């Protein structure tokens, strides 16, 4: 609590200095970047020492505190307004989003696919397809049908394209889920059995399909600059996935496979920054470009599995960056409309996942309430939302962005406890892991 006033004073001081520098020489972006580094550093230290303990104790996926920090730093409070102009730090945002895409691409290696439980594919398709279709069609009606939001936005014919794109984006947000609740429970409980790895692998592979669909949205709704040659959606799709694959083969030549973790981390920063920068320049999805690049690297580069380990170990700092920027990019929207859209989104997504669980269990030994373990959103949803926000703004896009942030907060708070109840009913939670047990297991492993 003592650190909060000090942090507030530091933010105000640097923001004032940044605004003054802009008036004098236009160098205010330097103050913004310095402040970002300081805030993220302090936030990460607090999360590592405080929030993670609370997260493990009360079974909540942390993230709302960083969203709130981003809102405070963003344009919502004019006295701070550090991120009024984010042009100079867009590459940092693209890097964080691309990091998530590359990590999911390295999940798609041939060796691990051969060891999957056959029931995984039912979970992958049904639990992602049905929520996406249900939310996408409903959002289209919500945005486009006269009498629903027409009187609020007065959607003109030229704005119907943005409304359709926002509905498609909400479909992808609804389809995505997260493996983080599984990781959280495994740190507190001794979990064994078939169900937990089955659902966890399903969420990982489902994220890959969602990223592919989200990348296609950017291709279908791609708009070239005035006077530039127009290309079809299929052409942009080939560019998206071809660019990632080509960069993957190119960078695989420079990876020896025996680098240290630090060297590998620095190489990944350069690789992802290059690929994400190219995607942002072409107004394509950095997640999809890095996804195809990660698929090539993990399957064809030397030491591809080491790349996956390095990406996983550094995922949390990138997630914090995404959370802070997600809050900073948010703008207030009509409260009544936003709450109505959020309520409809939550009900439709949960109902569709319940229906998918019933269909997936038809004629099998699977439970009919698997949806209880598949409600969290996670990094992929967050990265898609930020990527969407950087390119599209106004009207339905603002509503869609507010809805997905609200759903991330609500579902990430309740998802771990619902998953714990599911695994407990299945009998896969054996006992709670205590710190003494962890130390004992480490000593035994050392001997």
Protein backbone atom coordinates (compact mmCIF):
# COMPACT_ATOMS: atom_id res chain seq x y z
CA UNK A 1 0.00 0.00 0.00
CA UNK A 2 2.91 2.34 0.69
CA UNK A 3 4.24 1.73 -2.80
CA UNK A 4 1.02 2.88 -4.48
CA UNK A 5 1.36 6.62 -3.71
CA UNK A 6 5.02 6.48 -4.72
CA UNK A 7 4.12 4.77 -7.98
CA UNK A 8 1.37 7.33 -8.62
CA UNK A 9 3.81 10.18 -8.03
CA UNK A 10 6.36 8.59 -10.34
CA UNK A 11 3.76 8.13 -13.08
CA UNK A 12 2.56 11.69 -12.79
CA UNK A 13 6.10 13.07 -12.80
CA UNK A 14 7.24 11.10 -15.81
CA UNK A 15 4.00 11.84 -17.66
CA UNK A 16 4.47 15.55 -17.00
CA UNK A 17 8.06 15.35 -18.19
CA UNK A 18 6.99 13.45 -21.28
CA UNK A 19 4.33 16.02 -22.15
CA UNK A 20 6.83 18.80 -21.63
CA UNK A 21 9.33 17.08 -23.85
CA UNK A 22 6.74 16.77 -26.57
CA UNK A 23 6.12 20.47 -26.49
CA UNK A 24 9.83 21.21 -26.70
CA UNK A 25 11.26 18.65 -29.08
CA UNK A 26 8.79 15.86 -29.69
CA UNK A 27 10.75 13.36 -27.58
CA UNK A 28 7.88 12.47 -25.28
CA UNK A 29 7.86 8.88 -26.51
CA UNK A 30 11.16 8.30 -24.68
CA UNK A 31 9.52 9.17 -21.37
CA UNK A 32 6.64 6.85 -22.22
CA UNK A 33 8.96 3.93 -22.92
CA UNK A 34 11.00 4.57 -19.75
CA UNK A 35 7.81 4.71 -17.69
CA UNK A 36 6.54 1.52 -19.30
CA UNK A 37 9.74 -0.34 -18.38
CA UNK A 38 9.59 0.91 -14.78
CA UNK A 39 5.90 0.12 -14.32
CA UNK A 40 6.16 -3.35 -15.86
CA UNK A 41 9.23 -4.09 -13.74
CA UNK A 42 7.54 -3.04 -10.51
CA UNK A 43 4.33 -4.85 -11.46
CA UNK A 44 6.20 -8.05 -12.26
CA UNK A 45 8.08 -8.01 -8.95
CA UNK A 46 4.82 -7.47 -7.07
CA UNK A 47 3.14 -10.25 -9.03
CA UNK A 48 5.99 -12.66 -8.41
CA UNK A 49 6.11 -12.07 -4.67
CA UNK A 50 2.52 -11.26 -3.76
CA UNK A 51 -0.05 -11.93 -6.46
CA UNK A 52 1.13 -15.45 -7.30
CA UNK A 53 0.78 -16.47 -3.65
CA UNK A 54 -2.74 -15.07 -3.53
CA UNK A 55 -3.45 -16.71 -6.86
CA UNK A 56 -2.41 -20.11 -5.57
CA UNK A 57 -4.20 -19.61 -2.25
CA UNK A 58 -7.57 -18.41 -3.55
CA UNK A 59 -7.49 -20.13 -6.98
CA UNK A 60 -7.87 -17.11 -9.22
CA UNK A 61 -6.05 -16.37 -12.45
CA UNK A 62 -4.40 -12.98 -11.96
CA UNK A 63 -4.61 -10.31 -14.63
CA UNK A 64 -7.33 -7.87 -13.61
CA UNK A 65 -4.83 -5.84 -11.58
CA UNK A 66 -2.68 -5.23 -14.66
CA UNK A 67 -5.71 -4.29 -16.75
CA UNK A 68 -6.60 -1.72 -14.09
CA UNK A 69 -3.05 -0.40 -14.14
CA UNK A 70 -3.30 0.00 -17.91
CA UNK A 71 -6.59 1.87 -17.56
CA UNK A 72 -4.95 4.28 -15.08
CA UNK A 73 -2.05 4.85 -17.46
CA UNK A 74 -4.28 5.21 -20.49
CA UNK A 75 -6.36 8.11 -21.79
CA UNK A 76 -9.25 7.44 -19.39
CA UNK A 77 -7.68 9.64 -16.68
CA UNK A 78 -6.50 12.83 -18.44
CA UNK A 79 -4.17 13.80 -15.59
CA UNK A 80 -1.93 10.84 -16.40
CA UNK A 81 -2.59 10.13 -20.09
CA UNK A 82 0.81 8.51 -20.66
CA UNK A 83 -0.48 6.43 -23.56
CA UNK A 84 -2.32 9.18 -25.40
CA UNK A 85 0.05 8.54 -28.30
CA UNK A 86 1.19 4.94 -28.55
CA UNK A 87 2.68 5.12 -32.05
CA UNK A 88 6.23 4.80 -30.77
CA UNK A 89 5.55 1.66 -28.74
CA UNK A 90 3.31 -0.26 -31.14
CA UNK A 91 6.28 -2.57 -31.97
CA UNK A 92 6.39 -3.59 -28.30
CA UNK A 93 2.71 -4.54 -28.42
CA UNK A 94 3.19 -6.45 -31.67
CA UNK A 95 6.16 -8.26 -30.11
CA UNK A 96 4.10 -9.41 -27.11
CA UNK A 97 1.22 -10.57 -29.34
CA UNK A 98 3.62 -12.33 -31.69
CA UNK A 99 5.22 -14.09 -28.72
CA UNK A 100 1.89 -15.77 -27.94
CA UNK A 101 1.45 -16.79 -31.58
CA UNK A 102 4.91 -18.31 -31.81
CA UNK A 103 4.40 -20.22 -28.55
CA UNK A 104 1.18 -21.76 -29.84
CA UNK A 105 2.89 -22.60 -33.13
CA UNK A 106 5.58 -24.56 -31.28
CA UNK A 107 2.80 -26.60 -29.61
CA UNK A 108 2.02 -28.08 -33.04
CA UNK A 109 4.87 -30.57 -33.43
CA UNK A 110 4.39 -33.93 -35.11
CA UNK A 111 5.75 -36.01 -32.24
CA UNK A 112 3.28 -34.69 -29.65
CA UNK A 113 0.33 -34.99 -32.05
CA UNK A 114 0.93 -38.71 -32.43
CA UNK A 115 0.64 -39.22 -28.66
CA UNK A 116 -2.70 -37.42 -28.29
CA UNK A 117 -5.78 -39.10 -26.87
CA UNK A 118 -8.22 -39.63 -29.81
CA UNK A 119 -10.98 -37.96 -27.78
CA UNK A 120 -8.97 -34.72 -27.87
CA UNK A 121 -10.17 -33.92 -31.37
CA UNK A 122 -13.81 -34.00 -30.29
CA UNK A 123 -13.04 -31.41 -27.64
CA UNK A 124 -10.99 -29.31 -30.05
CA UNK A 125 -13.65 -29.00 -32.74
CA UNK A 126 -16.91 -29.01 -30.79
CA UNK A 127 -15.88 -26.80 -27.85
CA UNK A 128 -14.45 -24.18 -30.18
CA UNK A 129 -16.74 -24.40 -33.19
CA UNK A 130 -20.11 -24.21 -31.42
CA UNK A 131 -19.30 -21.19 -29.16
CA UNK A 132 -17.74 -19.36 -32.10
CA UNK A 133 -20.72 -19.90 -34.38
CA UNK A 134 -23.30 -19.10 -31.69
CA UNK A 135 -21.63 -15.87 -30.58
CA UNK A 136 -20.69 -14.79 -34.09
CA UNK A 137 -24.22 -15.09 -35.50
CA UNK A 138 -25.78 -13.46 -32.44
CA UNK A 139 -23.28 -10.59 -32.51
CA UNK A 140 -24.00 -10.04 -36.20
CA UNK A 141 -27.70 -9.72 -35.41
CA UNK A 142 -26.90 -7.53 -32.40
CA UNK A 143 -24.86 -5.09 -34.46
CA UNK A 144 -26.69 -5.15 -37.78
CA UNK A 145 -30.40 -5.65 -37.11
CA UNK A 146 -32.37 -2.37 -37.03
CA UNK A 147 -33.88 -1.70 -33.63
CA UNK A 148 -31.09 -3.42 -31.67
CA UNK A 149 -28.07 -1.17 -31.97
CA UNK A 150 -28.99 0.71 -35.09
CA UNK A 151 -30.49 3.58 -33.14
CA UNK A 152 -27.42 3.74 -30.88
CA UNK A 153 -24.72 3.71 -33.55
CA UNK A 154 -26.73 4.79 -36.60
CA UNK A 155 -24.65 2.35 -38.62
CA UNK A 156 -24.18 3.72 -42.10
CA UNK A 157 -23.66 1.43 -45.11
CA UNK A 158 -19.92 2.13 -45.09
CA UNK A 159 -19.76 1.12 -41.39
CA UNK A 160 -21.48 -2.22 -41.88
CA UNK A 161 -18.11 -3.73 -42.75
CA UNK A 162 -16.76 -2.80 -39.31
CA UNK A 163 -19.86 -4.27 -37.65
CA UNK A 164 -19.42 -7.58 -39.49
CA UNK A 165 -15.73 -7.65 -38.60
CA UNK A 166 -16.50 -6.99 -34.92
CA UNK A 167 -19.00 -9.88 -34.90
CA UNK A 168 -16.39 -12.19 -36.45
CA UNK A 169 -13.82 -11.09 -33.87
CA UNK A 170 -16.25 -11.81 -31.02
CA UNK A 171 -16.73 -15.29 -32.48
CA UNK A 172 -12.97 -15.92 -32.20
CA UNK A 173 -12.88 -14.47 -28.67
CA UNK A 174 -15.69 -16.83 -27.62
CA UNK A 175 -14.01 -19.86 -29.17
CA UNK A 176 -10.66 -19.41 -27.40
CA UNK A 177 -9.95 -20.85 -23.96
CA UNK A 178 -6.92 -21.28 -21.72
CA UNK A 179 -4.72 -23.93 -20.10
CA UNK A 180 -3.68 -21.60 -17.25
CA UNK A 181 -6.26 -22.96 -14.74
CA UNK A 182 -4.73 -26.42 -15.24
CA UNK A 183 -1.27 -25.07 -14.48
CA UNK A 184 -2.59 -23.24 -11.44
CA UNK A 185 -4.23 -26.35 -9.99
CA UNK A 186 -1.16 -28.48 -10.65
CA UNK A 187 0.87 -26.10 -8.47
CA UNK A 188 -1.49 -26.58 -5.54
CA UNK A 189 -2.85 -30.12 -5.91
CA UNK A 190 -1.54 -33.50 -6.89
CA UNK A 191 -3.56 -34.20 -10.05
CA UNK A 192 -3.56 -37.54 -11.87
CA UNK A 193 -5.78 -39.21 -14.40
CA UNK A 194 -6.94 -38.88 -17.99
CA UNK A 195 -9.25 -35.88 -17.87
CA UNK A 196 -6.82 -33.10 -16.98
CA UNK A 197 -4.26 -33.72 -19.79
CA UNK A 198 -7.16 -34.39 -22.19
CA UNK A 199 -8.70 -30.97 -21.59
CA UNK A 200 -5.35 -29.19 -21.44
CA UNK A 201 -4.24 -30.57 -24.81
CA UNK A 202 -7.64 -29.70 -26.22
CA UNK A 203 -7.26 -26.06 -25.20
CA UNK A 204 -3.78 -25.85 -26.73
CA UNK A 205 -4.82 -27.29 -30.08
CA UNK A 206 -8.04 -25.27 -30.04
CA UNK A 207 -6.01 -22.09 -29.66
CA UNK A 208 -4.18 -22.97 -32.87
CA UNK A 209 -7.44 -23.24 -34.81
CA UNK A 210 -8.73 -19.99 -33.32
CA UNK A 211 -5.55 -18.12 -34.29
CA UNK A 212 -5.88 -19.44 -37.83
CA UNK A 213 -9.49 -18.23 -37.99
CA UNK A 214 -8.53 -14.86 -36.54
CA UNK A 215 -5.79 -14.49 -39.13
CA UNK A 216 -8.31 -15.17 -41.90
CA UNK A 217 -10.53 -12.38 -40.54
CA UNK A 218 -7.74 -9.89 -41.19
CA UNK A 219 -7.43 -11.29 -44.73
CA UNK A 220 -11.16 -11.15 -45.53
CA UNK A 221 -11.63 -7.61 -44.18
CA UNK A 222 -8.25 -6.31 -45.35
CA UNK A 223 -8.34 -2.82 -46.83
CA UNK A 224 -5.41 -1.56 -48.88
CA UNK A 225 -4.40 2.10 -48.91
CA UNK A 226 -6.14 4.44 -51.30
CA UNK A 227 -4.66 4.12 -54.78
CA UNK A 228 -2.93 0.82 -54.00
CA UNK A 229 -3.67 -2.38 -55.84
CA UNK A 230 -6.45 -4.43 -54.28
CA UNK A 231 -5.84 -8.11 -53.55
CA UNK A 232 -8.28 -10.89 -52.78
CA UNK A 233 -8.70 -12.49 -49.35
CA UNK A 234 -7.08 -15.70 -50.59
CA UNK A 235 -4.01 -13.76 -51.67
CA UNK A 236 -3.66 -12.16 -48.25
CA UNK A 237 -4.10 -15.58 -46.65
CA UNK A 238 -1.22 -16.95 -48.72
CA UNK A 239 0.85 -13.92 -47.74
CA UNK A 240 0.04 -14.40 -44.02
CA UNK A 241 0.97 -18.05 -43.74
CA UNK A 242 3.61 -18.00 -46.47
CA UNK A 243 5.42 -15.13 -44.79
CA UNK A 244 5.52 -16.97 -41.47
CA UNK A 245 6.69 -20.24 -43.06
CA UNK A 246 9.38 -18.49 -45.11
CA UNK A 247 10.71 -16.65 -42.07
CA UNK A 248 10.65 -19.91 -40.11
CA UNK A 249 12.83 -21.68 -42.67
CA UNK A 250 15.11 -18.65 -42.90
CA UNK A 251 15.67 -18.30 -39.15
CA UNK A 252 16.04 -22.06 -38.66
CA UNK A 253 19.36 -21.77 -40.50
CA UNK A 254 20.71 -19.45 -37.80
CA UNK A 255 19.69 -21.58 -34.81
CA UNK A 256 22.39 -24.03 -33.78
CA UNK A 257 20.27 -25.79 -31.14
CA UNK A 258 22.97 -25.63 -28.45
CA UNK A 259 22.68 -21.98 -27.43
CA UNK A 260 22.25 -20.89 -23.84
CA UNK A 261 18.83 -19.80 -22.62
CA UNK A 262 19.85 -16.14 -22.75
CA UNK A 263 21.15 -16.41 -26.30
CA UNK A 264 18.03 -18.24 -27.37
CA UNK A 265 15.84 -15.59 -25.73
CA UNK A 266 17.63 -12.75 -27.54
CA UNK A 267 17.36 -14.60 -30.83
CA UNK A 268 13.63 -15.09 -30.32
CA UNK A 269 13.14 -11.40 -29.55
CA UNK A 270 14.73 -10.48 -32.87
CA UNK A 271 12.86 -13.15 -34.81
CA UNK A 272 9.45 -12.28 -33.37
CA UNK A 273 10.01 -8.53 -33.66
CA UNK A 274 10.88 -8.91 -37.34
CA UNK A 275 7.89 -11.13 -38.13
CA UNK A 276 5.42 -9.08 -36.05
CA UNK A 277 6.67 -5.82 -37.54
CA UNK A 278 6.12 -7.17 -41.05
CA UNK A 279 2.63 -8.33 -40.14
CA UNK A 280 1.71 -4.98 -38.60
CA UNK A 281 3.07 -3.10 -41.63
CA UNK A 282 0.89 -5.22 -43.93
CA UNK A 283 -2.08 -4.94 -41.50
CA UNK A 284 -2.15 -8.70 -41.01
CA UNK A 285 -2.47 -10.69 -37.82
CA UNK A 286 0.91 -11.01 -36.04
CA UNK A 287 -0.43 -14.07 -34.22
CA UNK A 288 -1.12 -15.97 -37.44
CA UNK A 289 2.24 -15.04 -38.98
CA UNK A 290 4.15 -16.15 -35.88
CA UNK A 291 1.97 -19.27 -35.56
CA UNK A 292 3.07 -20.57 -38.97
CA UNK A 293 6.66 -19.56 -38.21
CA UNK A 294 6.56 -21.45 -34.89
CA UNK A 295 5.23 -24.56 -36.63
CA UNK A 296 8.22 -24.54 -39.00
CA UNK A 297 10.77 -23.83 -36.26
CA UNK A 298 9.60 -26.55 -33.85
CA UNK A 299 9.48 -29.22 -36.56
CA UNK A 300 12.45 -28.35 -38.75
CA UNK A 301 14.91 -26.24 -36.71
CA UNK A 302 17.63 -27.84 -34.61
CA UNK A 303 16.62 -27.75 -30.97
CA UNK A 304 13.03 -26.79 -31.76
CA UNK A 305 11.81 -28.21 -28.45
CA UNK A 306 14.25 -25.90 -26.64
CA UNK A 307 12.62 -22.93 -28.35
CA UNK A 308 9.30 -24.03 -26.92
CA UNK A 309 10.78 -24.26 -23.40
CA UNK A 310 12.28 -20.77 -23.68
CA UNK A 311 8.99 -19.31 -24.91
CA UNK A 312 7.07 -20.93 -22.05
CA UNK A 313 9.50 -19.67 -19.40
CA UNK A 314 9.18 -16.09 -20.63
CA UNK A 315 5.45 -16.12 -21.36
CA UNK A 316 4.41 -14.39 -18.12
CA UNK A 317 6.28 -11.07 -18.71
CA UNK A 318 4.81 -10.85 -22.21
CA UNK A 319 1.36 -11.50 -20.80
CA UNK A 320 1.81 -8.64 -18.33
CA UNK A 321 2.75 -6.32 -21.20
CA UNK A 322 -0.39 -7.37 -23.09
CA UNK A 323 -2.59 -6.85 -20.02
CA UNK A 324 -1.25 -3.34 -19.38
CA UNK A 325 -1.67 -2.29 -22.99
CA UNK A 326 -5.11 -3.90 -23.15
CA UNK A 327 -6.21 -1.64 -20.31
CA UNK A 328 -4.50 1.40 -21.82
CA UNK A 329 -6.25 0.90 -25.17
CA UNK A 330 -9.73 0.66 -23.64
CA UNK A 331 -12.14 3.59 -23.99
CA UNK A 332 -15.46 3.99 -22.14
CA UNK A 333 -18.54 2.86 -24.04
CA UNK A 334 -22.27 3.12 -23.45
CA UNK A 335 -22.85 1.30 -20.16
CA UNK A 336 -26.30 -0.12 -20.95
CA UNK A 337 -25.34 -1.43 -24.37
CA UNK A 338 -22.02 -2.83 -23.13
CA UNK A 339 -23.59 -4.66 -20.18
CA UNK A 340 -26.29 -6.10 -22.42
CA UNK A 341 -23.69 -7.28 -24.92
CA UNK A 342 -21.48 -8.70 -22.16
CA UNK A 343 -24.36 -10.58 -20.57
CA UNK A 344 -25.40 -12.05 -23.89
CA UNK A 345 -21.80 -13.01 -24.68
CA UNK A 346 -21.35 -14.85 -21.36
CA UNK A 347 -24.67 -16.68 -21.61
CA UNK A 348 -24.20 -17.72 -25.24
CA UNK A 349 -20.60 -18.84 -24.77
CA UNK A 350 -21.37 -20.90 -21.66
CA UNK A 351 -24.50 -22.46 -23.19
CA UNK A 352 -22.68 -23.35 -26.41
CA UNK A 353 -19.83 -24.97 -24.46
CA UNK A 354 -22.36 -26.95 -22.41
CA UNK A 355 -24.02 -28.15 -25.61
CA UNK A 356 -20.61 -29.06 -27.04
CA UNK A 357 -19.89 -31.15 -23.94
CA UNK A 358 -23.17 -33.04 -24.35
CA UNK A 359 -22.51 -33.72 -28.05
CA UNK A 360 -18.87 -34.70 -27.42
CA UNK A 361 -19.92 -37.20 -24.75
CA UNK A 362 -22.50 -38.85 -27.03
CA UNK A 363 -21.61 -42.55 -27.31
CA UNK A 364 -18.35 -42.18 -25.36
CA UNK A 365 -17.17 -42.38 -21.77
CA UNK A 366 -16.57 -38.60 -21.60
CA UNK A 367 -18.44 -36.51 -19.04
CA UNK A 368 -21.28 -34.26 -20.16
CA UNK A 369 -20.03 -31.32 -18.08
CA UNK A 370 -16.54 -30.90 -19.54
CA UNK A 371 -17.36 -27.25 -20.25
CA UNK A 372 -16.67 -26.56 -16.54
CA UNK A 373 -12.96 -26.88 -17.34
CA UNK A 374 -12.99 -24.82 -20.55
CA UNK A 375 -14.30 -21.39 -19.59
CA UNK A 376 -11.09 -19.40 -19.05
CA UNK A 377 -9.86 -17.14 -21.85
CA UNK A 378 -6.09 -16.80 -21.49
CA UNK A 379 -3.26 -15.23 -23.45
CA UNK A 380 -4.56 -16.03 -26.92
CA UNK A 381 -7.82 -14.15 -26.37
CA UNK A 382 -5.91 -11.23 -24.90
CA UNK A 383 -3.43 -11.10 -27.78
CA UNK A 384 -6.24 -11.27 -30.35
CA UNK A 385 -8.14 -8.48 -28.59
CA UNK A 386 -5.10 -6.18 -28.52
CA UNK A 387 -4.25 -6.94 -32.17
CA UNK A 388 -7.85 -6.21 -33.14
CA UNK A 389 -7.83 -2.97 -31.16
CA UNK A 390 -4.67 -1.64 -32.80
CA UNK A 391 -6.23 -1.81 -36.26
CA UNK A 392 -9.97 -1.26 -35.74
CA UNK A 393 -11.71 1.38 -33.62
CA UNK A 394 -15.07 3.05 -33.19
CA UNK A 395 -18.70 1.96 -32.80
CA UNK A 396 -19.12 -1.83 -32.77
CA UNK A 397 -15.35 -2.37 -32.45
CA UNK A 398 -15.32 -0.45 -29.15
CA UNK A 399 -18.24 -2.51 -27.83
CA UNK A 400 -16.60 -5.78 -28.88
CA UNK A 401 -13.36 -4.78 -27.16
CA UNK A 402 -15.14 -3.84 -23.92
CA UNK A 403 -17.07 -7.12 -23.98
CA UNK A 404 -14.01 -9.30 -24.37
CA UNK A 405 -12.14 -7.50 -21.56
CA UNK A 406 -15.11 -7.96 -19.25
CA UNK A 407 -15.38 -11.63 -20.16
CA UNK A 408 -11.66 -12.17 -19.54
CA UNK A 409 -11.94 -10.73 -16.03
CA UNK A 410 -15.10 -12.64 -15.07
CA UNK A 411 -14.21 -16.04 -16.53
CA UNK A 412 -10.62 -16.02 -15.31
CA UNK A 413 -11.87 -15.41 -11.77
CA UNK A 414 -14.29 -18.34 -11.72
CA UNK A 415 -12.63 -20.82 -14.09
CA UNK A 416 -10.06 -22.37 -11.67
CA UNK A 417 -12.68 -23.19 -9.04
CA UNK A 418 -15.03 -24.69 -11.61
CA UNK A 419 -12.17 -26.78 -12.96
CA UNK A 420 -11.27 -27.92 -9.45
CA UNK A 421 -14.86 -29.05 -8.91
CA UNK A 422 -14.81 -30.98 -12.20
CA UNK A 423 -11.54 -32.77 -11.41
CA UNK A 424 -12.70 -33.48 -7.84
CA UNK A 425 -15.93 -35.04 -9.14
CA UNK A 426 -13.83 -37.15 -11.51
CA UNK A 427 -11.57 -38.21 -8.63
CA UNK A 428 -8.39 -36.86 -10.19
CA UNK A 429 -7.41 -34.50 -7.35
CA UNK A 430 -5.53 -36.66 -4.87
CA UNK A 431 -4.32 -34.22 -2.21
CA UNK A 432 -3.05 -30.69 -1.67
CA UNK A 433 0.64 -30.08 -2.19
CA UNK A 434 2.32 -28.36 0.74
CA UNK A 435 5.57 -26.46 0.74
CA UNK A 436 7.22 -29.18 2.85
CA UNK A 437 6.17 -31.77 0.27
CA UNK A 438 7.71 -29.68 -2.50
CA UNK A 439 11.01 -29.35 -0.63
CA UNK A 440 11.07 -33.07 0.13
CA UNK A 441 10.46 -34.00 -3.50
CA UNK A 442 13.25 -31.67 -4.59
CA UNK A 443 15.68 -33.26 -2.09
CA UNK A 444 14.74 -36.76 -3.23
CA UNK A 445 15.21 -35.81 -6.85
CA UNK A 446 18.61 -34.31 -6.04
CA UNK A 447 19.72 -37.54 -4.32
